[in-house]
Amino acid sequence: MRSAITFLISFIFLIPTGDISMLGIKINHTRKSLDSLKLEIVANENNMIKYTTNNGNDFSVTIENNKVVYMENDWLQDPKGEKPLFSDFVFGQTTLKDIRKKFSTNGFTYRSRGAFTTKNDLIEFNCFEFDSSNNEVLVTITKVSLKEDVTEKTIAAKLKLDALIIADKSYLDRTWGEEKVYDENYKKIKP
């Protein structure tokens, strides 16, 4: 019995636990935690601070009640900045098809944040709830040029990562609405 307990304790400590953070900042950290960032501030309005990252991209942090509730890393289209602040994905290369394969689900979307088009691009938001006690949601924002030859079958392979968000689920529910559309294979993802 003792060896079984020892094995179980050893096994628990060997299970990899992902770090759900951007530049060491996590959801629910205090505003003071942002003092550790040695990045240029390019905007500071209301409860949002926007920085320029070392690879030239944008990193925005939203604070509510003195806590970090939302972090967004936007790719500014420079190949030198293709590494996001979270995940092993690659801006401009990782496709929605790759993301679905990695997580074995298409996650969910907020009804208020469905696919939309700009003058040049089709943009999609896919959300993935982490299996963690901190209630974080990963939002992948992918886009494809409207000039691309896409079909319903090829679109997921053409939509490429353009931004990543890590946010508090209750904050997103308050700001984007609680109404969601879930993939039939929906499941929480591991950090």
N, C-alpha and C. Protein backbone atom coordinates (compact mmCIF):
# COMPACT_ATOMS: atom_id res chain seq x y z
N MET A 1 0.82 -1.19 0.00
CA MET A 1 0.00 0.00 0.00
C MET A 1 0.87 1.25 0.00
N ARG A 2 1.93 1.22 0.81
CA ARG A 2 2.81 2.38 0.90
C ARG A 2 3.47 2.68 -0.43
N SER A 3 3.91 1.62 -1.16
CA SER A 3 4.55 1.84 -2.45
C SER A 3 3.55 2.41 -3.47
N ALA A 4 2.30 2.02 -3.36
CA ALA A 4 1.28 2.56 -4.26
C ALA A 4 1.07 4.05 -4.00
N ILE A 5 1.06 4.44 -2.74
CA ILE A 5 0.91 5.86 -2.40
C ILE A 5 2.13 6.64 -2.87
N THR A 6 3.33 6.09 -2.66
CA THR A 6 4.55 6.75 -3.12
C THR A 6 4.52 6.92 -4.63
N PHE A 7 4.10 5.88 -5.35
CA PHE A 7 4.00 5.96 -6.81
C PHE A 7 3.01 7.04 -7.23
N LEU A 8 1.85 7.06 -6.56
CA LEU A 8 0.83 8.04 -6.90
C LEU A 8 1.34 9.46 -6.67
N ILE A 9 1.99 9.70 -5.56
CA ILE A 9 2.53 11.03 -5.27
C ILE A 9 3.59 11.40 -6.30
N SER A 10 4.48 10.46 -6.64
CA SER A 10 5.50 10.71 -7.66
C SER A 10 4.87 11.02 -9.00
N PHE A 11 3.83 10.25 -9.35
CA PHE A 11 3.16 10.45 -10.63
C PHE A 11 2.51 11.83 -10.71
N ILE A 12 1.88 12.26 -9.63
CA ILE A 12 1.23 13.57 -9.61
C ILE A 12 2.25 14.68 -9.87
N PHE A 13 3.44 14.56 -9.27
CA PHE A 13 4.44 15.60 -9.46
C PHE A 13 5.12 15.53 -10.82
N LEU A 14 4.97 14.44 -11.55
CA LEU A 14 5.55 14.32 -12.88
C LEU A 14 4.60 14.77 -13.98
N ILE A 15 3.34 14.96 -13.65
CA ILE A 15 2.39 15.42 -14.64
C ILE A 15 2.76 16.85 -15.02
N PRO A 16 2.97 17.10 -16.31
CA PRO A 16 3.35 18.46 -16.69
C PRO A 16 2.18 19.43 -16.49
N THR A 17 2.48 20.57 -15.94
CA THR A 17 1.47 21.60 -15.79
C THR A 17 1.95 22.80 -16.58
N GLY A 18 1.13 23.25 -17.49
CA GLY A 18 1.50 24.36 -18.33
C GLY A 18 1.39 25.68 -17.58
N ASP A 19 2.17 26.61 -18.04
CA ASP A 19 2.15 27.94 -17.46
C ASP A 19 1.26 28.81 -18.33
N ILE A 20 0.09 29.15 -17.85
CA ILE A 20 -0.86 29.95 -18.60
C ILE A 20 -0.55 31.41 -18.32
N SER A 21 0.43 31.94 -19.06
CA SER A 21 0.85 33.32 -18.84
C SER A 21 1.41 33.91 -20.12
N MET A 22 1.55 35.21 -20.11
CA MET A 22 2.25 35.94 -21.15
C MET A 22 3.27 36.82 -20.45
N LEU A 23 4.54 36.62 -20.76
CA LEU A 23 5.64 37.35 -20.13
C LEU A 23 5.60 37.25 -18.61
N GLY A 24 5.14 36.09 -18.11
CA GLY A 24 5.08 35.86 -16.67
C GLY A 24 3.84 36.43 -16.00
N ILE A 25 3.00 37.14 -16.76
CA ILE A 25 1.78 37.73 -16.22
C ILE A 25 0.65 36.73 -16.40
N LYS A 26 -0.13 36.53 -15.35
CA LYS A 26 -1.24 35.57 -15.38
C LYS A 26 -2.56 36.27 -15.07
N ILE A 27 -3.63 35.64 -15.48
CA ILE A 27 -4.96 36.12 -15.12
C ILE A 27 -5.07 36.12 -13.59
N ASN A 28 -5.64 37.17 -13.05
CA ASN A 28 -5.82 37.42 -11.62
C ASN A 28 -4.58 37.94 -10.91
N HIS A 29 -3.45 38.11 -11.62
CA HIS A 29 -2.34 38.82 -11.00
C HIS A 29 -2.78 40.26 -10.74
N THR A 30 -2.13 40.91 -9.79
CA THR A 30 -2.48 42.29 -9.49
C THR A 30 -1.85 43.24 -10.51
N ARG A 31 -2.36 44.45 -10.54
CA ARG A 31 -1.81 45.49 -11.43
C ARG A 31 -0.31 45.67 -11.17
N LYS A 32 0.09 45.52 -9.93
CA LYS A 32 1.51 45.70 -9.55
C LYS A 32 2.41 44.71 -10.29
N SER A 33 1.88 43.55 -10.67
CA SER A 33 2.71 42.55 -11.39
C SER A 33 3.21 43.10 -12.73
N LEU A 34 2.52 44.10 -13.27
CA LEU A 34 2.94 44.68 -14.54
C LEU A 34 4.22 45.49 -14.40
N ASP A 35 4.58 45.86 -13.16
CA ASP A 35 5.82 46.59 -12.94
C ASP A 35 7.05 45.80 -13.38
N SER A 36 6.93 44.48 -13.43
CA SER A 36 8.07 43.64 -13.83
C SER A 36 8.33 43.70 -15.34
N LEU A 37 7.37 44.21 -16.10
CA LEU A 37 7.54 44.30 -17.56
C LEU A 37 8.45 45.47 -17.89
N LYS A 38 9.48 45.20 -18.63
CA LYS A 38 10.42 46.24 -19.05
C LYS A 38 10.23 46.50 -20.53
N LEU A 39 9.01 46.85 -20.89
CA LEU A 39 8.63 47.08 -22.27
C LEU A 39 8.15 48.52 -22.44
N GLU A 40 8.25 49.02 -23.67
CA GLU A 40 7.76 50.37 -23.96
C GLU A 40 6.23 50.38 -23.91
N ILE A 41 5.66 51.31 -23.18
CA ILE A 41 4.22 51.50 -23.13
C ILE A 41 3.83 52.41 -24.28
N VAL A 42 2.92 51.95 -25.13
CA VAL A 42 2.49 52.75 -26.27
C VAL A 42 1.08 53.31 -26.08
N ALA A 43 0.34 52.82 -25.11
CA ALA A 43 -0.98 53.36 -24.79
C ALA A 43 -1.31 52.99 -23.35
N ASN A 44 -2.00 53.90 -22.67
CA ASN A 44 -2.42 53.67 -21.29
C ASN A 44 -3.73 54.42 -21.11
N GLU A 45 -4.84 53.72 -21.36
CA GLU A 45 -6.14 54.37 -21.29
C GLU A 45 -7.09 53.54 -20.45
N ASN A 46 -7.84 54.24 -19.63
CA ASN A 46 -8.80 53.59 -18.74
C ASN A 46 -8.11 52.45 -18.01
N ASN A 47 -8.54 51.22 -18.23
CA ASN A 47 -7.96 50.06 -17.53
C ASN A 47 -7.12 49.18 -18.45
N MET A 48 -6.66 49.73 -19.60
CA MET A 48 -5.88 48.94 -20.56
C MET A 48 -4.52 49.59 -20.78
N ILE A 49 -3.48 48.76 -20.73
CA ILE A 49 -2.12 49.22 -21.02
C ILE A 49 -1.62 48.40 -22.21
N LYS A 50 -1.11 49.10 -23.23
CA LYS A 50 -0.57 48.42 -24.40
C LYS A 50 0.94 48.64 -24.47
N TYR A 51 1.66 47.54 -24.67
CA TYR A 51 3.11 47.55 -24.75
C TYR A 51 3.56 47.12 -26.15
N THR A 52 4.81 47.45 -26.48
CA THR A 52 5.48 46.87 -27.65
C THR A 52 6.41 45.79 -27.12
N THR A 53 6.26 44.56 -27.64
CA THR A 53 7.11 43.46 -27.18
C THR A 53 8.50 43.55 -27.82
N ASN A 54 9.42 42.75 -27.31
CA ASN A 54 10.78 42.76 -27.84
C ASN A 54 10.86 42.36 -29.30
N ASN A 55 9.87 41.58 -29.78
CA ASN A 55 9.89 41.19 -31.20
C ASN A 55 8.98 42.09 -32.05
N GLY A 56 8.56 43.24 -31.47
CA GLY A 56 7.85 44.25 -32.24
C GLY A 56 6.34 44.13 -32.30
N ASN A 57 5.75 43.17 -31.62
CA ASN A 57 4.30 43.00 -31.63
C ASN A 57 3.66 43.81 -30.51
N ASP A 58 2.34 43.82 -30.49
CA ASP A 58 1.60 44.49 -29.42
C ASP A 58 1.23 43.48 -28.34
N PHE A 59 1.26 43.94 -27.10
CA PHE A 59 0.82 43.16 -25.95
C PHE A 59 -0.04 44.09 -25.09
N SER A 60 -1.33 43.79 -25.00
CA SER A 60 -2.27 44.62 -24.25
C SER A 60 -2.75 43.86 -23.01
N VAL A 61 -2.87 44.59 -21.91
CA VAL A 61 -3.35 44.01 -20.65
C VAL A 61 -4.48 44.87 -20.13
N THR A 62 -5.59 44.22 -19.78
CA THR A 62 -6.73 44.92 -19.20
C THR A 62 -6.85 44.54 -17.73
N ILE A 63 -7.06 45.56 -16.91
CA ILE A 63 -7.17 45.40 -15.45
C ILE A 63 -8.61 45.73 -15.04
N GLU A 64 -9.15 44.92 -14.15
CA GLU A 64 -10.47 45.19 -13.57
C GLU A 64 -10.38 44.87 -12.09
N ASN A 65 -10.80 45.80 -11.25
CA ASN A 65 -10.72 45.62 -9.79
C ASN A 65 -9.32 45.24 -9.34
N ASN A 66 -8.32 45.92 -9.93
CA ASN A 66 -6.90 45.73 -9.61
C ASN A 66 -6.35 44.35 -10.00
N LYS A 67 -7.06 43.60 -10.84
CA LYS A 67 -6.63 42.27 -11.27
C LYS A 67 -6.53 42.22 -12.80
N VAL A 68 -5.58 41.45 -13.30
CA VAL A 68 -5.46 41.21 -14.74
C VAL A 68 -6.61 40.30 -15.15
N VAL A 69 -7.40 40.74 -16.13
CA VAL A 69 -8.54 39.94 -16.59
C VAL A 69 -8.45 39.59 -18.08
N TYR A 70 -7.52 40.25 -18.80
CA TYR A 70 -7.47 40.07 -20.25
C TYR A 70 -6.08 40.43 -20.74
N MET A 71 -5.49 39.55 -21.58
CA MET A 71 -4.19 39.81 -22.20
C MET A 71 -4.30 39.45 -23.67
N GLU A 72 -3.81 40.34 -24.53
CA GLU A 72 -3.88 40.09 -25.97
C GLU A 72 -2.52 40.35 -26.60
N ASN A 73 -2.07 39.41 -27.42
CA ASN A 73 -0.80 39.52 -28.16
C ASN A 73 -1.14 39.53 -29.65
N ASP A 74 -0.93 40.70 -30.28
CA ASP A 74 -1.25 40.88 -31.69
C ASP A 74 0.01 40.88 -32.55
N TRP A 75 -0.04 40.12 -33.63
CA TRP A 75 1.06 40.07 -34.58
C TRP A 75 0.97 41.27 -35.51
N LEU A 76 2.07 41.98 -35.69
CA LEU A 76 2.07 43.15 -36.56
C LEU A 76 2.64 42.84 -37.94
N GLN A 77 2.58 41.57 -38.34
CA GLN A 77 2.89 41.10 -39.69
C GLN A 77 4.38 41.07 -40.04
N ASP A 78 5.27 41.32 -39.09
CA ASP A 78 6.70 41.25 -39.35
C ASP A 78 7.17 39.82 -39.08
N PRO A 79 7.82 39.17 -40.07
CA PRO A 79 8.28 37.79 -39.85
C PRO A 79 9.19 37.63 -38.62
N LYS A 80 9.89 38.69 -38.21
CA LYS A 80 10.75 38.61 -37.02
C LYS A 80 9.92 38.46 -35.74
N GLY A 81 8.63 38.80 -35.84
CA GLY A 81 7.77 38.72 -34.67
C GLY A 81 6.79 37.57 -34.72
N GLU A 82 7.16 36.49 -35.39
CA GLU A 82 6.20 35.39 -35.59
C GLU A 82 5.97 34.53 -34.35
N LYS A 83 6.78 34.67 -33.29
CA LYS A 83 6.61 33.86 -32.08
C LYS A 83 5.69 34.59 -31.09
N PRO A 84 4.51 34.02 -30.81
CA PRO A 84 3.61 34.66 -29.84
C PRO A 84 4.13 34.50 -28.41
N LEU A 85 3.51 35.24 -27.50
CA LEU A 85 3.90 35.21 -26.09
C LEU A 85 3.37 33.99 -25.35
N PHE A 86 2.52 33.21 -26.00
CA PHE A 86 2.00 32.00 -25.39
C PHE A 86 1.88 30.93 -26.46
N SER A 87 2.24 29.73 -26.16
CA SER A 87 2.07 28.53 -26.99
C SER A 87 3.25 28.32 -27.93
N ASP A 88 3.22 27.17 -28.58
CA ASP A 88 4.23 26.86 -29.58
C ASP A 88 3.72 27.15 -30.99
N PHE A 89 2.62 27.88 -31.09
CA PHE A 89 2.09 28.29 -32.37
C PHE A 89 3.01 29.33 -33.00
N VAL A 90 2.78 29.60 -34.28
CA VAL A 90 3.58 30.59 -35.00
C VAL A 90 2.62 31.53 -35.74
N PHE A 91 2.75 32.83 -35.46
CA PHE A 91 1.92 33.80 -36.16
C PHE A 91 2.16 33.70 -37.66
N GLY A 92 1.08 33.77 -38.42
CA GLY A 92 1.17 33.76 -39.87
C GLY A 92 1.41 32.40 -40.48
N GLN A 93 1.62 31.37 -39.64
CA GLN A 93 1.87 30.02 -40.14
C GLN A 93 0.92 28.98 -39.57
N THR A 94 0.71 29.02 -38.25
CA THR A 94 -0.20 28.06 -37.62
C THR A 94 -1.61 28.31 -38.13
N THR A 95 -2.24 27.26 -38.62
CA THR A 95 -3.59 27.39 -39.18
C THR A 95 -4.64 27.00 -38.16
N LEU A 96 -5.88 27.36 -38.45
CA LEU A 96 -6.98 26.92 -37.59
C LEU A 96 -7.05 25.39 -37.60
N LYS A 97 -6.73 24.78 -38.72
CA LYS A 97 -6.71 23.32 -38.80
C LYS A 97 -5.67 22.75 -37.82
N ASP A 98 -4.49 23.38 -37.73
CA ASP A 98 -3.45 22.95 -36.79
C ASP A 98 -3.94 23.08 -35.35
N ILE A 99 -4.60 24.20 -35.06
CA ILE A 99 -5.08 24.47 -33.70
C ILE A 99 -6.14 23.43 -33.31
N ARG A 100 -7.07 23.16 -34.21
CA ARG A 100 -8.10 22.14 -33.95
C ARG A 100 -7.46 20.78 -33.69
N LYS A 101 -6.45 20.44 -34.48
CA LYS A 101 -5.77 19.15 -34.32
C LYS A 101 -5.09 19.07 -32.96
N LYS A 102 -4.39 20.15 -32.57
CA LYS A 102 -3.68 20.14 -31.29
C LYS A 102 -4.63 19.96 -30.12
N PHE A 103 -5.80 20.62 -30.16
CA PHE A 103 -6.73 20.58 -29.04
C PHE A 103 -7.83 19.53 -29.20
N SER A 104 -7.91 18.86 -30.33
CA SER A 104 -8.93 17.85 -30.62
C SER A 104 -10.35 18.40 -30.48
N THR A 105 -10.50 19.67 -30.73
CA THR A 105 -11.81 20.32 -30.69
C THR A 105 -11.71 21.65 -31.42
N ASN A 106 -12.84 22.15 -31.84
CA ASN A 106 -12.92 23.50 -32.41
C ASN A 106 -13.31 24.50 -31.32
N GLY A 107 -13.40 24.02 -30.08
CA GLY A 107 -13.70 24.90 -28.97
C GLY A 107 -15.11 25.47 -29.03
N PHE A 108 -15.21 26.76 -28.83
CA PHE A 108 -16.50 27.44 -28.91
C PHE A 108 -16.28 28.85 -29.41
N THR A 109 -17.37 29.49 -29.77
CA THR A 109 -17.32 30.90 -30.14
C THR A 109 -18.39 31.64 -29.35
N TYR A 110 -18.10 32.89 -29.07
CA TYR A 110 -19.12 33.76 -28.51
C TYR A 110 -19.98 34.24 -29.67
N ARG A 111 -21.28 34.21 -29.50
CA ARG A 111 -22.18 34.65 -30.58
C ARG A 111 -21.83 36.06 -31.05
N SER A 112 -21.40 36.90 -30.13
CA SER A 112 -21.06 38.28 -30.48
C SER A 112 -19.71 38.40 -31.18
N ARG A 113 -18.95 37.32 -31.21
CA ARG A 113 -17.61 37.33 -31.82
C ARG A 113 -17.50 36.25 -32.89
N GLY A 114 -18.49 36.17 -33.72
CA GLY A 114 -18.44 35.21 -34.82
C GLY A 114 -17.51 35.69 -35.92
N ALA A 115 -17.41 34.90 -36.96
CA ALA A 115 -16.57 35.28 -38.10
C ALA A 115 -17.08 36.58 -38.70
N PHE A 116 -16.14 37.41 -39.17
CA PHE A 116 -16.52 38.66 -39.84
C PHE A 116 -15.46 39.00 -40.88
N THR A 117 -15.81 39.91 -41.76
CA THR A 117 -14.86 40.32 -42.79
C THR A 117 -14.54 41.81 -42.62
N THR A 118 -13.29 42.13 -42.97
CA THR A 118 -12.87 43.52 -43.11
C THR A 118 -12.81 43.78 -44.61
N LYS A 119 -12.23 44.88 -44.98
CA LYS A 119 -12.09 45.19 -46.40
C LYS A 119 -11.24 44.14 -47.11
N ASN A 120 -10.26 43.56 -46.38
CA ASN A 120 -9.30 42.66 -47.00
C ASN A 120 -9.34 41.21 -46.52
N ASP A 121 -9.88 40.96 -45.32
CA ASP A 121 -9.70 39.65 -44.70
C ASP A 121 -10.99 39.09 -44.10
N LEU A 122 -11.01 37.75 -43.96
CA LEU A 122 -12.00 37.05 -43.15
C LEU A 122 -11.31 36.73 -41.84
N ILE A 123 -11.96 37.03 -40.72
CA ILE A 123 -11.37 36.84 -39.39
C ILE A 123 -12.29 35.95 -38.56
N GLU A 124 -11.68 34.99 -37.86
CA GLU A 124 -12.43 34.09 -36.99
C GLU A 124 -11.84 34.07 -35.58
N PHE A 125 -12.74 33.96 -34.59
CA PHE A 125 -12.37 33.81 -33.18
C PHE A 125 -12.74 32.40 -32.75
N ASN A 126 -11.79 31.64 -32.24
CA ASN A 126 -12.08 30.33 -31.66
C ASN A 126 -11.59 30.34 -30.23
N CYS A 127 -12.45 29.90 -29.30
CA CYS A 127 -12.15 29.95 -27.88
C CYS A 127 -11.98 28.55 -27.32
N PHE A 128 -11.05 28.44 -26.39
CA PHE A 128 -10.74 27.15 -25.76
C PHE A 128 -10.60 27.40 -24.26
N GLU A 129 -11.45 26.74 -23.50
CA GLU A 129 -11.42 26.89 -22.05
C GLU A 129 -10.37 25.95 -21.47
N PHE A 130 -9.46 26.51 -20.67
CA PHE A 130 -8.44 25.68 -20.04
C PHE A 130 -9.05 24.85 -18.91
N ASP A 131 -8.53 23.66 -18.72
CA ASP A 131 -8.90 22.82 -17.59
C ASP A 131 -8.01 23.25 -16.43
N SER A 132 -8.37 24.37 -15.81
CA SER A 132 -7.58 24.93 -14.71
C SER A 132 -8.52 25.55 -13.69
N SER A 133 -7.99 25.82 -12.54
CA SER A 133 -8.82 26.40 -11.48
C SER A 133 -8.96 27.91 -11.61
N ASN A 134 -8.26 28.51 -12.57
CA ASN A 134 -8.24 29.96 -12.70
C ASN A 134 -9.24 30.49 -13.73
N ASN A 135 -9.99 29.60 -14.38
CA ASN A 135 -11.04 29.97 -15.34
C ASN A 135 -10.54 30.79 -16.53
N GLU A 136 -9.36 30.43 -17.09
CA GLU A 136 -8.84 31.13 -18.25
C GLU A 136 -9.42 30.56 -19.53
N VAL A 137 -9.54 31.44 -20.51
CA VAL A 137 -9.96 31.06 -21.85
C VAL A 137 -8.86 31.52 -22.80
N LEU A 138 -8.48 30.64 -23.71
CA LEU A 138 -7.55 30.99 -24.79
C LEU A 138 -8.39 31.31 -26.01
N VAL A 139 -8.17 32.47 -26.60
CA VAL A 139 -8.86 32.86 -27.82
C VAL A 139 -7.82 32.94 -28.93
N THR A 140 -8.04 32.17 -30.00
CA THR A 140 -7.16 32.25 -31.15
C THR A 140 -7.90 33.05 -32.23
N ILE A 141 -7.21 34.04 -32.76
CA ILE A 141 -7.78 34.86 -33.82
C ILE A 141 -7.00 34.54 -35.09
N THR A 142 -7.72 34.01 -36.06
CA THR A 142 -7.10 33.63 -37.32
C THR A 142 -7.71 34.46 -38.45
N LYS A 143 -6.92 34.62 -39.52
CA LYS A 143 -7.46 35.38 -40.64
C LYS A 143 -6.93 34.83 -41.95
N VAL A 144 -7.67 35.13 -43.01
CA VAL A 144 -7.28 34.76 -44.37
C VAL A 144 -7.69 35.90 -45.29
N SER A 145 -6.87 36.17 -46.27
CA SER A 145 -7.16 37.22 -47.24
C SER A 145 -8.40 36.84 -48.05
N LEU A 146 -9.23 37.83 -48.32
CA LEU A 146 -10.41 37.59 -49.16
C LEU A 146 -10.02 37.26 -50.59
N LYS A 147 -8.77 37.52 -50.96
CA LYS A 147 -8.28 37.20 -52.30
C LYS A 147 -7.91 35.72 -52.43
N GLU A 148 -7.76 35.04 -51.29
CA GLU A 148 -7.42 33.61 -51.32
C GLU A 148 -8.55 32.80 -51.93
N ASP A 149 -8.17 31.75 -52.61
CA ASP A 149 -9.16 30.83 -53.17
C ASP A 149 -9.50 29.80 -52.10
N VAL A 150 -10.60 30.01 -51.37
CA VAL A 150 -10.96 29.10 -50.29
C VAL A 150 -12.33 28.50 -50.55
N THR A 151 -12.47 27.31 -50.03
CA THR A 151 -13.76 26.63 -50.06
C THR A 151 -14.10 26.23 -48.63
N GLU A 152 -15.28 25.72 -48.41
CA GLU A 152 -15.66 25.27 -47.07
C GLU A 152 -14.70 24.19 -46.58
N LYS A 153 -14.19 23.36 -47.50
CA LYS A 153 -13.27 22.28 -47.12
C LYS A 153 -11.86 22.78 -46.83
N THR A 154 -11.43 23.87 -47.46
CA THR A 154 -10.04 24.33 -47.30
C THR A 154 -9.87 25.51 -46.36
N ILE A 155 -10.95 26.10 -45.91
CA ILE A 155 -10.83 27.35 -45.15
C ILE A 155 -10.02 27.18 -43.86
N ALA A 156 -10.21 26.09 -43.14
CA ALA A 156 -9.48 25.90 -41.87
C ALA A 156 -7.97 25.80 -42.10
N ALA A 157 -7.57 25.31 -43.27
CA ALA A 157 -6.15 25.22 -43.59
C ALA A 157 -5.59 26.55 -44.10
N LYS A 158 -6.47 27.48 -44.42
CA LYS A 158 -6.03 28.79 -44.94
C LYS A 158 -6.05 29.88 -43.87
N LEU A 159 -6.93 29.74 -42.86
CA LEU A 159 -6.99 30.72 -41.77
C LEU A 159 -5.73 30.59 -40.92
N LYS A 160 -4.95 31.68 -40.81
CA LYS A 160 -3.67 31.63 -40.09
C LYS A 160 -3.70 32.53 -38.86
N LEU A 161 -2.96 32.10 -37.84
CA LEU A 161 -2.95 32.78 -36.55
C LEU A 161 -2.48 34.22 -36.69
N ASP A 162 -3.27 35.15 -36.13
CA ASP A 162 -2.95 36.57 -36.19
C ASP A 162 -2.87 37.21 -34.80
N ALA A 163 -3.53 36.60 -33.81
CA ALA A 163 -3.50 37.13 -32.44
C ALA A 163 -3.91 36.03 -31.47
N LEU A 164 -3.46 36.18 -30.23
CA LEU A 164 -3.83 35.27 -29.13
C LEU A 164 -4.30 36.10 -27.95
N ILE A 165 -5.32 35.59 -27.29
CA ILE A 165 -5.85 36.23 -26.08
C ILE A 165 -5.91 35.17 -24.98
N ILE A 166 -5.53 35.56 -23.78
CA ILE A 166 -5.81 34.77 -22.58
C ILE A 166 -6.64 35.69 -21.69
N ALA A 167 -7.82 35.21 -21.30
CA ALA A 167 -8.72 36.07 -20.54
C ALA A 167 -9.45 35.28 -19.47
N ASP A 168 -9.93 36.02 -18.49
CA ASP A 168 -10.79 35.45 -17.47
C ASP A 168 -12.15 35.17 -18.09
N LYS A 169 -12.66 33.96 -17.90
CA LYS A 169 -13.91 33.57 -18.54
C LYS A 169 -15.07 34.48 -18.12
N SER A 170 -15.17 34.82 -16.86
CA SER A 170 -16.29 35.66 -16.42
C SER A 170 -16.18 37.06 -17.02
N TYR A 171 -14.96 37.57 -17.21
CA TYR A 171 -14.78 38.87 -17.86
C TYR A 171 -15.27 38.81 -19.31
N LEU A 172 -14.88 37.76 -20.04
CA LEU A 172 -15.35 37.62 -21.42
C LEU A 172 -16.87 37.49 -21.48
N ASP A 173 -17.44 36.73 -20.56
CA ASP A 173 -18.90 36.57 -20.52
C ASP A 173 -19.59 37.92 -20.31
N ARG A 174 -19.01 38.78 -19.47
CA ARG A 174 -19.60 40.10 -19.22
C ARG A 174 -19.42 41.03 -20.42
N THR A 175 -18.28 40.96 -21.09
CA THR A 175 -18.00 41.91 -22.17
C THR A 175 -18.47 41.42 -23.53
N TRP A 176 -18.40 40.12 -23.79
CA TRP A 176 -18.78 39.57 -25.10
C TRP A 176 -20.14 38.89 -25.06
N GLY A 177 -20.70 38.71 -23.88
CA GLY A 177 -22.00 38.06 -23.74
C GLY A 177 -21.85 36.59 -23.37
N GLU A 178 -22.83 36.07 -22.71
CA GLU A 178 -22.76 34.69 -22.24
C GLU A 178 -23.17 33.67 -23.30
N GLU A 179 -23.78 34.11 -24.38
CA GLU A 179 -24.27 33.18 -25.39
C GLU A 179 -23.12 32.66 -26.25
N LYS A 180 -23.00 31.33 -26.28
CA LYS A 180 -21.88 30.69 -26.98
C LYS A 180 -22.40 29.59 -27.90
N VAL A 181 -21.57 29.24 -28.88
CA VAL A 181 -21.84 28.11 -29.76
C VAL A 181 -20.67 27.15 -29.58
N TYR A 182 -20.97 25.92 -29.12
CA TYR A 182 -19.93 24.93 -28.82
C TYR A 182 -19.77 23.92 -29.95
N ASP A 183 -18.54 23.52 -30.19
CA ASP A 183 -18.24 22.44 -31.12
C ASP A 183 -18.86 21.16 -30.57
N GLU A 184 -19.31 20.29 -31.45
CA GLU A 184 -19.90 19.02 -30.99
C GLU A 184 -18.88 18.16 -30.24
N ASN A 185 -17.58 18.40 -30.47
CA ASN A 185 -16.51 17.69 -29.76
C ASN A 185 -15.87 18.56 -28.69
N TYR A 186 -16.65 19.53 -28.16
CA TYR A 186 -16.11 20.46 -27.18
C TYR A 186 -15.55 19.73 -25.96
N LYS A 187 -14.40 20.22 -25.51
CA LYS A 187 -13.82 19.78 -24.25
C LYS A 187 -12.84 20.84 -23.80
N LYS A 188 -12.57 20.87 -22.52
CA LYS A 188 -11.56 21.79 -22.01
C LYS A 188 -10.19 21.32 -22.47
N ILE A 189 -9.25 22.26 -22.56
CA ILE A 189 -7.90 21.89 -23.01
C ILE A 189 -6.94 21.92 -21.83
N LYS A 190 -5.87 21.17 -21.96
CA LYS A 190 -4.84 21.13 -20.91
C LYS A 190 -3.89 22.31 -21.09
N PRO A 191 -3.49 22.90 -20.00
CA PRO A 191 -2.51 24.01 -20.10
C PRO A 191 -1.16 23.52 -20.63
